Full PDB file with SEQRES, HELIX, SHEET, SSBOND, CRYST1, ORIGX, SCALE, CONECT and MASTER records, all heavy atoms in Angstrom:
SEQRES   1 A   33  VAL ALA LEU GLN ARG ALA GLY GLU ALA LEU LEU GLY ALA          
SEQRES   2 A   33  ALA VAL ALA ALA ASN LEU ILE VAL VAL GLY ILE SER LEU          
SEQRES   3 A   33  GLY ALA TYR GLY THR ARG MET                                  
HELIX    1 AA1 ALA A    2  TYR A   29  1                                  28    
HELIX    2 AA2 GLY A   30  ARG A   32  5                                   3    
CRYST1    1.000    1.000    1.000  90.00  90.00  90.00 P 1           1          
ORIGX1      1.000000  0.000000  0.000000        0.00000                         
ORIGX2      0.000000  1.000000  0.000000        0.00000                         
ORIGX3      0.000000  0.000000  1.000000        0.00000                         
SCALE1      1.000000  0.000000  0.000000        0.00000                         
SCALE2      0.000000  1.000000  0.000000        0.00000                         
SCALE3      0.000000  0.000000  1.000000        0.00000                         
ATOM      1  N   VAL A   1      94.088 127.792 152.058  1.00  0.00           N  
ATOM      2  CA  VAL A   1      94.880 127.282 150.937  1.00  0.00           C  
ATOM      3  C   VAL A   1      94.644 125.788 150.748  1.00  0.00           C  
ATOM      4  O   VAL A   1      94.467 125.307 149.622  1.00  0.00           O  
ATOM      5  CB  VAL A   1      96.379 127.569 151.167  1.00  0.00           C  
ATOM      6  CG1 VAL A   1      97.228 126.873 150.104  1.00  0.00           C  
ATOM      7  CG2 VAL A   1      96.638 129.070 151.146  1.00  0.00           C  
ATOM      8  N   ALA A   2      94.612 125.035 151.868  1.00  0.00           N  
ATOM      9  CA  ALA A   2      94.392 123.594 151.773  1.00  0.00           C  
ATOM     10  C   ALA A   2      93.002 123.288 151.217  1.00  0.00           C  
ATOM     11  O   ALA A   2      92.846 122.408 150.356  1.00  0.00           O  
ATOM     12  CB  ALA A   2      94.571 122.951 153.145  1.00  0.00           C  
ATOM     13  N   LEU A   3      91.988 124.014 151.695  1.00  0.00           N  
ATOM     14  CA  LEU A   3      90.636 123.805 151.180  1.00  0.00           C  
ATOM     15  C   LEU A   3      90.547 124.144 149.699  1.00  0.00           C  
ATOM     16  O   LEU A   3      89.896 123.431 148.913  1.00  0.00           O  
ATOM     17  CB  LEU A   3      89.647 124.662 151.978  1.00  0.00           C  
ATOM     18  CG  LEU A   3      89.316 124.207 153.396  1.00  0.00           C  
ATOM     19  CD1 LEU A   3      88.431 125.238 154.089  1.00  0.00           C  
ATOM     20  CD2 LEU A   3      88.626 122.853 153.375  1.00  0.00           C  
ATOM     21  N   GLN A   4      91.206 125.224 149.323  1.00  0.00           N  
ATOM     22  CA  GLN A   4      91.169 125.641 147.925  1.00  0.00           C  
ATOM     23  C   GLN A   4      91.847 124.617 147.030  1.00  0.00           C  
ATOM     24  O   GLN A   4      91.323 124.260 145.964  1.00  0.00           O  
ATOM     25  CB  GLN A   4      91.830 127.009 147.776  1.00  0.00           C  
ATOM     26  CG  GLN A   4      91.644 127.646 146.406  1.00  0.00           C  
ATOM     27  CD  GLN A   4      92.183 129.067 146.367  1.00  0.00           C  
ATOM     28  OE1 GLN A   4      92.424 129.678 147.393  1.00  0.00           O  
ATOM     29  NE2 GLN A   4      92.379 129.584 145.175  1.00  0.00           N  
ATOM     30  N   ARG A   5      92.992 124.125 147.450  1.00  0.00           N  
ATOM     31  CA  ARG A   5      93.714 123.138 146.638  1.00  0.00           C  
ATOM     32  C   ARG A   5      92.921 121.833 146.536  1.00  0.00           C  
ATOM     33  O   ARG A   5      92.866 121.216 145.461  1.00  0.00           O  
ATOM     34  CB  ARG A   5      95.096 122.871 147.241  1.00  0.00           C  
ATOM     35  CG  ARG A   5      96.016 124.079 147.247  1.00  0.00           C  
ATOM     36  CD  ARG A   5      96.348 124.532 145.837  1.00  0.00           C  
ATOM     37  NE  ARG A   5      97.201 125.709 145.839  1.00  0.00           N  
ATOM     38  CZ  ARG A   5      96.764 126.960 145.771  1.00  0.00           C  
ATOM     39  NH1 ARG A   5      95.440 127.193 145.683  1.00  0.00           N  
ATOM     40  NH2 ARG A   5      97.587 127.979 145.776  1.00  0.00           N  
ATOM     41  N   ALA A   6      92.317 121.416 147.647  1.00  0.00           N  
ATOM     42  CA  ALA A   6      91.516 120.193 147.616  1.00  0.00           C  
ATOM     43  C   ALA A   6      90.309 120.370 146.698  1.00  0.00           C  
ATOM     44  O   ALA A   6      89.964 119.469 145.918  1.00  0.00           O  
ATOM     45  CB  ALA A   6      91.062 119.822 149.027  1.00  0.00           C  
ATOM     46  N   GLY A   7      89.668 121.530 146.793  1.00  0.00           N  
ATOM     47  CA  GLY A   7      88.528 121.798 145.920  1.00  0.00           C  
ATOM     48  C   GLY A   7      88.922 121.833 144.460  1.00  0.00           C  
ATOM     49  O   GLY A   7      88.191 121.321 143.598  1.00  0.00           O  
ATOM     50  N   GLU A   8      90.076 122.420 144.159  1.00  0.00           N  
ATOM     51  CA  GLU A   8      90.548 122.457 142.769  1.00  0.00           C  
ATOM     52  C   GLU A   8      90.835 121.055 142.248  1.00  0.00           C  
ATOM     53  O   GLU A   8      90.565 120.754 141.078  1.00  0.00           O  
ATOM     54  CB  GLU A   8      91.789 123.338 142.667  1.00  0.00           C  
ATOM     55  CG  GLU A   8      91.500 124.819 142.847  1.00  0.00           C  
ATOM     56  CD  GLU A   8      92.750 125.672 142.838  1.00  0.00           C  
ATOM     57  OE1 GLU A   8      93.863 125.097 142.914  1.00  0.00           O  
ATOM     58  OE2 GLU A   8      92.618 126.900 142.764  1.00  0.00           O  
ATOM     59  N   ALA A   9      91.385 120.197 143.116  1.00  0.00           N  
ATOM     60  CA  ALA A   9      91.664 118.820 142.693  1.00  0.00           C  
ATOM     61  C   ALA A   9      90.363 118.083 142.382  1.00  0.00           C  
ATOM     62  O   ALA A   9      90.269 117.371 141.365  1.00  0.00           O  
ATOM     63  CB  ALA A   9      92.447 118.087 143.782  1.00  0.00           C  
ATOM     64  N   LEU A  10      89.358 118.247 143.229  1.00  0.00           N  
ATOM     65  CA  LEU A  10      88.070 117.595 142.986  1.00  0.00           C  
ATOM     66  C   LEU A  10      87.402 118.150 141.726  1.00  0.00           C  
ATOM     67  O   LEU A  10      86.835 117.394 140.931  1.00  0.00           O  
ATOM     68  CB  LEU A  10      87.153 117.792 144.196  1.00  0.00           C  
ATOM     69  CG  LEU A  10      87.566 117.053 145.471  1.00  0.00           C  
ATOM     70  CD1 LEU A  10      86.647 117.447 146.626  1.00  0.00           C  
ATOM     71  CD2 LEU A  10      87.520 115.546 145.255  1.00  0.00           C  
ATOM     72  N   LEU A  11      87.481 119.469 141.568  1.00  0.00           N  
ATOM     73  CA  LEU A  11      86.896 120.079 140.372  1.00  0.00           C  
ATOM     74  C   LEU A  11      87.600 119.597 139.114  1.00  0.00           C  
ATOM     75  O   LEU A  11      86.958 119.261 138.109  1.00  0.00           O  
ATOM     76  CB  LEU A  11      86.984 121.606 140.476  1.00  0.00           C  
ATOM     77  CG  LEU A  11      86.457 122.399 139.270  1.00  0.00           C  
ATOM     78  CD1 LEU A  11      84.979 122.119 139.054  1.00  0.00           C  
ATOM     79  CD2 LEU A  11      86.699 123.898 139.480  1.00  0.00           C  
ATOM     80  N   GLY A  12      88.919 119.536 139.161  1.00  0.00           N  
ATOM     81  CA  GLY A  12      89.669 119.051 138.008  1.00  0.00           C  
ATOM     82  C   GLY A  12      89.318 117.609 137.672  1.00  0.00           C  
ATOM     83  O   GLY A  12      89.186 117.249 136.498  1.00  0.00           O  
ATOM     84  N   ALA A  13      89.153 116.772 138.716  1.00  0.00           N  
ATOM     85  CA  ALA A  13      88.793 115.377 138.473  1.00  0.00           C  
ATOM     86  C   ALA A  13      87.401 115.273 137.852  1.00  0.00           C  
ATOM     87  O   ALA A  13      87.179 114.463 136.936  1.00  0.00           O  
ATOM     88  CB  ALA A  13      88.849 114.595 139.780  1.00  0.00           C  
ATOM     89  N   ALA A  14      86.455 116.083 138.334  1.00  0.00           N  
ATOM     90  CA  ALA A  14      85.099 116.059 137.783  1.00  0.00           C  
ATOM     91  C   ALA A  14      85.085 116.520 136.331  1.00  0.00           C  
ATOM     92  O   ALA A  14      84.406 115.923 135.483  1.00  0.00           O  
ATOM     93  CB  ALA A  14      84.176 116.935 138.631  1.00  0.00           C  
ATOM     94  N   VAL A  15      85.835 117.584 136.041  1.00  0.00           N  
ATOM     95  CA  VAL A  15      85.905 118.072 134.664  1.00  0.00           C  
ATOM     96  C   VAL A  15      86.529 117.022 133.755  1.00  0.00           C  
ATOM     97  O   VAL A  15      86.038 116.761 132.638  1.00  0.00           O  
ATOM     98  CB  VAL A  15      86.698 119.393 134.600  1.00  0.00           C  
ATOM     99  CG1 VAL A  15      86.973 119.784 133.151  1.00  0.00           C  
ATOM    100  CG2 VAL A  15      85.940 120.510 135.314  1.00  0.00           C  
ATOM    101  N   ALA A  16      87.600 116.390 134.220  1.00  0.00           N  
ATOM    102  CA  ALA A  16      88.263 115.363 133.411  1.00  0.00           C  
ATOM    103  C   ALA A  16      87.329 114.186 133.142  1.00  0.00           C  
ATOM    104  O   ALA A  16      87.280 113.662 132.021  1.00  0.00           O  
ATOM    105  CB  ALA A  16      89.529 114.887 134.117  1.00  0.00           C  
ATOM    106  N   ALA A  17      86.576 113.780 134.161  1.00  0.00           N  
ATOM    107  CA  ALA A  17      85.644 112.662 133.978  1.00  0.00           C  
ATOM    108  C   ALA A  17      84.578 112.998 132.944  1.00  0.00           C  
ATOM    109  O   ALA A  17      84.242 112.166 132.082  1.00  0.00           O  
ATOM    110  CB  ALA A  17      84.999 112.311 135.318  1.00  0.00           C  
ATOM    111  N   ASN A  18      84.037 114.216 133.011  1.00  0.00           N  
ATOM    112  CA  ASN A  18      83.028 114.625 132.040  1.00  0.00           C  
ATOM    113  C   ASN A  18      83.606 114.731 130.635  1.00  0.00           C  
ATOM    114  O   ASN A  18      82.947 114.360 129.651  1.00  0.00           O  
ATOM    115  CB  ASN A  18      82.416 115.963 132.458  1.00  0.00           C  
ATOM    116  CG  ASN A  18      81.330 115.799 133.505  1.00  0.00           C  
ATOM    117  OD1 ASN A  18      80.186 115.487 133.199  1.00  0.00           O  
ATOM    118  ND2 ASN A  18      81.690 115.990 134.758  1.00  0.00           N  
ATOM    119  N   LEU A  19      84.830 115.233 130.534  1.00  0.00           N  
ATOM    120  CA  LEU A  19      85.482 115.309 129.225  1.00  0.00           C  
ATOM    121  C   LEU A  19      85.622 113.926 128.604  1.00  0.00           C  
ATOM    122  O   LEU A  19      85.369 113.728 127.407  1.00  0.00           O  
ATOM    123  CB  LEU A  19      86.856 115.957 129.362  1.00  0.00           C  
ATOM    124  CG  LEU A  19      86.925 117.462 129.559  1.00  0.00           C  
ATOM    125  CD1 LEU A  19      88.377 117.890 129.724  1.00  0.00           C  
ATOM    126  CD2 LEU A  19      86.293 118.195 128.394  1.00  0.00           C  
ATOM    127  N   ILE A  20      86.023 112.966 129.412  1.00  0.00           N  
ATOM    128  CA  ILE A  20      86.218 111.606 128.910  1.00  0.00           C  
ATOM    129  C   ILE A  20      84.893 111.011 128.441  1.00  0.00           C  
ATOM    130  O   ILE A  20      84.807 110.410 127.364  1.00  0.00           O  
ATOM    131  CB  ILE A  20      86.865 110.730 130.002  1.00  0.00           C  
ATOM    132  CG1 ILE A  20      88.302 111.204 130.268  1.00  0.00           C  
ATOM    133  CG2 ILE A  20      86.853 109.266 129.599  1.00  0.00           C  
ATOM    134  CD1 ILE A  20      88.961 110.539 131.451  1.00  0.00           C  
ATOM    135  N   VAL A  21      83.837 111.185 129.255  1.00  0.00           N  
ATOM    136  CA  VAL A  21      82.534 110.630 128.887  1.00  0.00           C  
ATOM    137  C   VAL A  21      82.018 111.261 127.598  1.00  0.00           C  
ATOM    138  O   VAL A  21      81.563 110.559 126.673  1.00  0.00           O  
ATOM    139  CB  VAL A  21      81.523 110.827 130.033  1.00  0.00           C  
ATOM    140  CG1 VAL A  21      80.119 110.456 129.581  1.00  0.00           C  
ATOM    141  CG2 VAL A  21      81.922 109.996 131.241  1.00  0.00           C  
ATOM    142  N   VAL A  22      82.082 112.593 127.522  1.00  0.00           N  
ATOM    143  CA  VAL A  22      81.591 113.275 126.323  1.00  0.00           C  
ATOM    144  C   VAL A  22      82.444 112.914 125.118  1.00  0.00           C  
ATOM    145  O   VAL A  22      81.916 112.657 124.023  1.00  0.00           O  
ATOM    146  CB  VAL A  22      81.577 114.800 126.544  1.00  0.00           C  
ATOM    147  CG1 VAL A  22      81.207 115.535 125.259  1.00  0.00           C  
ATOM    148  CG2 VAL A  22      80.590 115.164 127.646  1.00  0.00           C  
ATOM    149  N   GLY A  23      83.759 112.884 125.288  1.00  0.00           N  
ATOM    150  CA  GLY A  23      84.637 112.538 124.177  1.00  0.00           C  
ATOM    151  C   GLY A  23      84.398 111.127 123.671  1.00  0.00           C  
ATOM    152  O   GLY A  23      84.339 110.889 122.454  1.00  0.00           O  
ATOM    153  N   ILE A  24      84.249 110.165 124.593  1.00  0.00           N  
ATOM    154  CA  ILE A  24      83.984 108.790 124.183  1.00  0.00           C  
ATOM    155  C   ILE A  24      82.637 108.697 123.469  1.00  0.00           C  
ATOM    156  O   ILE A  24      82.498 107.992 122.456  1.00  0.00           O  
ATOM    157  CB  ILE A  24      84.024 107.856 125.407  1.00  0.00           C  
ATOM    158  CG1 ILE A  24      85.460 107.747 125.944  1.00  0.00           C  
ATOM    159  CG2 ILE A  24      83.481 106.477 125.057  1.00  0.00           C  
ATOM    160  CD1 ILE A  24      85.577 106.933 127.210  1.00  0.00           C  
ATOM    161  N   SER A  25      81.638 109.402 123.981  1.00  0.00           N  
ATOM    162  CA  SER A  25      80.307 109.371 123.364  1.00  0.00           C  
ATOM    163  C   SER A  25      80.345 109.917 121.940  1.00  0.00           C  
ATOM    164  O   SER A  25      79.756 109.338 121.015  1.00  0.00           O  
ATOM    165  CB  SER A  25      79.325 110.178 124.214  1.00  0.00           C  
ATOM    166  OG  SER A  25      79.239 109.656 125.524  1.00  0.00           O  
ATOM    167  N   LEU A  26      81.036 111.034 121.766  1.00  0.00           N  
ATOM    168  CA  LEU A  26      81.148 111.604 120.420  1.00  0.00           C  
ATOM    169  C   LEU A  26      81.937 110.697 119.491  1.00  0.00           C  
ATOM    170  O   LEU A  26      81.595 110.533 118.316  1.00  0.00           O  
ATOM    171  CB  LEU A  26      81.801 112.979 120.497  1.00  0.00           C  
ATOM    172  CG  LEU A  26      80.954 114.107 121.086  1.00  0.00           C  
ATOM    173  CD1 LEU A  26      81.793 115.376 121.253  1.00  0.00           C  
ATOM    174  CD2 LEU A  26      79.746 114.388 120.204  1.00  0.00           C  
ATOM    175  N   GLY A  27      83.004 110.107 120.008  1.00  0.00           N  
ATOM    176  CA  GLY A  27      83.792 109.209 119.182  1.00  0.00           C  
ATOM    177  C   GLY A  27      83.037 107.954 118.812  1.00  0.00           C  
ATOM    178  O   GLY A  27      83.214 107.412 117.716  1.00  0.00           O  
ATOM    179  N   ALA A  28      82.169 107.480 119.706  1.00  0.00           N  
ATOM    180  CA  ALA A  28      81.436 106.248 119.448  1.00  0.00           C  
ATOM    181  C   ALA A  28      80.298 106.449 118.459  1.00  0.00           C  
ATOM    182  O   ALA A  28      80.078 105.625 117.565  1.00  0.00           O  
ATOM    183  CB  ALA A  28      80.891 105.689 120.761  1.00  0.00           C  
ATOM    184  N   TYR A  29      79.559 107.550 118.610  1.00  0.00           N  
ATOM    185  CA  TYR A  29      78.344 107.739 117.814  1.00  0.00           C  
ATOM    186  C   TYR A  29      78.462 108.806 116.738  1.00  0.00           C  
ATOM    187  O   TYR A  29      77.548 108.958 115.926  1.00  0.00           O  
ATOM    188  CB  TYR A  29      77.171 108.075 118.742  1.00  0.00           C  
ATOM    189  CG  TYR A  29      76.761 106.931 119.630  1.00  0.00           C  
ATOM    190  CD1 TYR A  29      77.190 106.873 120.951  1.00  0.00           C  
ATOM    191  CD2 TYR A  29      75.952 105.913 119.143  1.00  0.00           C  
ATOM    192  CE1 TYR A  29      76.811 105.818 121.772  1.00  0.00           C  
ATOM    193  CE2 TYR A  29      75.575 104.851 119.956  1.00  0.00           C  
ATOM    194  CZ  TYR A  29      76.003 104.818 121.273  1.00  0.00           C  
ATOM    195  OH  TYR A  29      75.636 103.774 122.076  1.00  0.00           O  
ATOM    196  N   GLY A  30      79.538 109.573 116.731  1.00  0.00           N  
ATOM    197  CA  GLY A  30      79.767 110.539 115.670  1.00  0.00           C  
ATOM    198  C   GLY A  30      78.689 111.603 115.572  1.00  0.00           C  
ATOM    199  O   GLY A  30      78.267 112.180 116.579  1.00  0.00           O  
ATOM    200  N   THR A  31      78.224 111.845 114.360  1.00  0.00           N  
ATOM    201  CA  THR A  31      77.256 112.924 114.129  1.00  0.00           C  
ATOM    202  C   THR A  31      75.942 112.694 114.857  1.00  0.00           C  
ATOM    203  O   THR A  31      75.248 113.650 115.195  1.00  0.00           O  
ATOM    204  CB  THR A  31      76.976 113.066 112.621  1.00  0.00           C  
ATOM    205  OG1 THR A  31      76.544 111.810 112.096  1.00  0.00           O  
ATOM    206  CG2 THR A  31      78.222 113.529 111.892  1.00  0.00           C  
ATOM    207  N   ARG A  32      75.600 111.431 115.094  1.00  0.00           N  
ATOM    208  CA  ARG A  32      74.372 111.158 115.845  1.00  0.00           C  
ATOM    209  C   ARG A  32      74.433 111.769 117.237  1.00  0.00           C  
ATOM    210  O   ARG A  32      73.458 112.324 117.736  1.00  0.00           O  
ATOM    211  CB  ARG A  32      74.149 109.647 115.933  1.00  0.00           C  
ATOM    212  CG  ARG A  32      72.799 109.261 116.532  1.00  0.00           C  
ATOM    213  CD  ARG A  32      72.664 107.752 116.576  1.00  0.00           C  
ATOM    214  NE  ARG A  32      71.342 107.352 117.063  1.00  0.00           N  
ATOM    215  CZ  ARG A  32      70.981 106.096 117.312  1.00  0.00           C  
ATOM    216  NH1 ARG A  32      71.860 105.123 117.097  1.00  0.00           N  
ATOM    217  NH2 ARG A  32      69.778 105.820 117.762  1.00  0.00           N  
ATOM    218  N   MET A  33      75.594 111.679 117.873  1.00  0.00           N  
ATOM    219  CA  MET A  33      75.771 112.259 119.195  1.00  0.00           C  
ATOM    220  C   MET A  33      75.853 113.778 119.114  1.00  0.00           C  
ATOM    221  O   MET A  33      75.390 114.488 120.016  1.00  0.00           O  
ATOM    222  CB  MET A  33      77.046 111.699 119.854  1.00  0.00           C  
ATOM    223  CG  MET A  33      77.184 112.064 121.318  1.00  0.00           C  
ATOM    224  SD  MET A  33      75.881 111.331 122.315  1.00  0.00           S  
ATOM    225  CE  MET A  33      75.979 112.355 123.789  1.00  0.00           C  
TER     226      MET A  33                                                      
MASTER        0    0    0    2    0    0    0    6  225    1    0    3          
END                                                                             
C-alpha cells in the first residue's frame, strides 16, 4: 500500500508537470504549437 501510494504521488506529479508544460506551450504559441 505504501509503495502504491508513493508511486501514485510521483505519477500524479509527473502528469501535472507535463500538463503545465504543454498547456503553457499551447497558450504561448497558439495554433503554431
